Amino acid sequence: MKPKRSLAMVQLITQVREAMPFDLPEANLCSGQCNGCSQKLLEYLDTELEDWEYRLEAGETPDFGEIQRIAKTSKKIYKIMQRNDLVE
């Protein structure tokens, strides 16, 4: 049985928050090789996640496309973080 869409979004948000270096100091984000602005990408992703956290608390249920969009965006940003040597 698949999880409900709200639960799936909560689980996705939790996974993304654990995998991304949101708490990394700004100096570390902008040092060395840069293949995309890590700081701006993390800020964007954090805003998207916060928006969904708020919407979920308000009782909104995401559709599958919204879950997929957040997952796809997170994967792309994670790959950029890897290229910038900010995650393993």
Protein backbone atom coordinates (compact mmCIF):
# COMPACT_ATOMS: atom_id res chain seq x y z
CA MET A 1 0.00 0.00 0.00
CA LYS A 2 1.36 3.41 -0.97
CA PRO A 3 1.52 6.20 1.63
CA LYS A 4 -1.03 8.98 1.48
CA ARG A 5 0.09 11.99 -0.53
CA SER A 6 0.41 14.22 2.54
CA LEU A 7 2.56 11.63 4.29
CA ALA A 8 4.63 11.14 1.13
CA MET A 9 5.33 14.89 0.98
CA VAL A 10 6.28 14.99 4.68
CA GLN A 11 8.66 12.08 4.14
CA LEU A 12 10.16 13.74 1.06
CA ILE A 13 10.68 17.03 2.91
CA THR A 14 12.35 15.15 5.79
CA GLN A 15 14.69 13.33 3.41
CA VAL A 16 15.63 16.53 1.59
CA ARG A 17 16.27 18.42 4.84
CA GLU A 18 18.56 15.59 6.02
CA ALA A 19 20.47 15.34 2.73
CA MET A 20 21.04 19.02 1.94
CA PRO A 21 23.62 21.20 3.71
CA PHE A 22 21.13 23.89 4.83
CA ASP A 23 23.14 24.63 7.98
CA LEU A 24 26.47 25.08 6.19
CA PRO A 25 27.98 28.55 6.78
CA GLU A 26 27.85 30.96 3.84
CA ALA A 27 31.65 31.06 3.66
CA ASN A 28 31.72 27.31 2.98
CA LEU A 29 28.99 27.53 0.35
CA CYS A 30 30.91 30.02 -1.76
CA SER A 31 34.46 28.67 -1.54
CA GLY A 32 36.27 26.65 -4.16
CA GLN A 33 34.66 25.35 -7.33
CA CYS A 34 31.25 26.72 -8.22
CA ASN A 35 28.90 25.18 -10.79
CA GLY A 36 25.80 27.14 -9.87
CA CYS A 37 25.21 29.37 -6.89
CA SER A 38 24.83 26.93 -4.01
CA GLN A 39 23.64 29.59 -1.60
CA LYS A 40 20.82 30.80 -3.87
CA LEU A 41 19.79 27.26 -4.76
CA LEU A 42 19.60 26.24 -1.11
CA GLU A 43 17.63 29.37 -0.26
CA TYR A 44 15.19 28.60 -3.08
CA LEU A 45 14.78 24.99 -2.01
CA ASP A 46 14.36 25.95 1.64
CA THR A 47 11.62 28.39 0.66
CA GLU A 48 9.83 25.71 -1.38
CA LEU A 49 10.02 23.24 1.51
CA GLU A 50 8.84 25.82 4.06
CA ASP A 51 5.92 26.66 1.79
CA TRP A 52 4.88 23.02 1.67
CA GLU A 53 5.36 22.56 5.39
CA TYR A 54 2.98 25.48 5.97
CA ARG A 55 0.48 24.19 3.41
CA LEU A 56 0.52 20.70 4.93
CA GLU A 57 -0.08 22.14 8.41
CA ALA A 58 -3.05 24.04 6.97
CA GLY A 59 -4.50 20.73 5.78
CA GLU A 60 -3.70 20.99 2.08
CA THR A 61 -3.05 17.73 0.24
CA PRO A 62 -0.45 17.83 -2.53
CA ASP A 63 -1.15 16.14 -5.83
CA PHE A 64 1.31 13.69 -7.33
CA GLY A 65 2.67 16.30 -9.72
CA GLU A 66 3.60 18.62 -6.86
CA ILE A 67 5.36 15.81 -5.00
CA GLN A 68 7.20 14.87 -8.18
CA ARG A 69 8.19 18.51 -8.85
CA ILE A 70 9.71 18.93 -5.37
CA ALA A 71 11.53 15.59 -5.73
CA LYS A 72 12.90 16.51 -9.18
CA THR A 73 14.00 19.97 -8.07
CA SER A 74 15.67 18.53 -4.98
CA LYS A 75 17.56 15.94 -7.04
CA LYS A 76 18.83 18.59 -9.46
CA ILE A 77 19.99 20.84 -6.64
CA TYR A 78 21.61 17.88 -4.85
CA LYS A 79 23.62 17.07 -8.01
CA ILE A 80 24.85 20.66 -8.13
CA MET A 81 25.83 20.43 -4.44
CA GLN A 82 27.80 17.28 -5.31
CA ARG A 83 29.59 19.04 -8.17
CA ASN A 84 30.44 21.87 -5.77
CA ASP A 85 31.82 19.31 -3.25
CA LEU A 86 29.27 20.27 -0.58
CA VAL A 87 27.74 16.78 -0.18
CA GLU A 88 29.10 13.30 -0.80
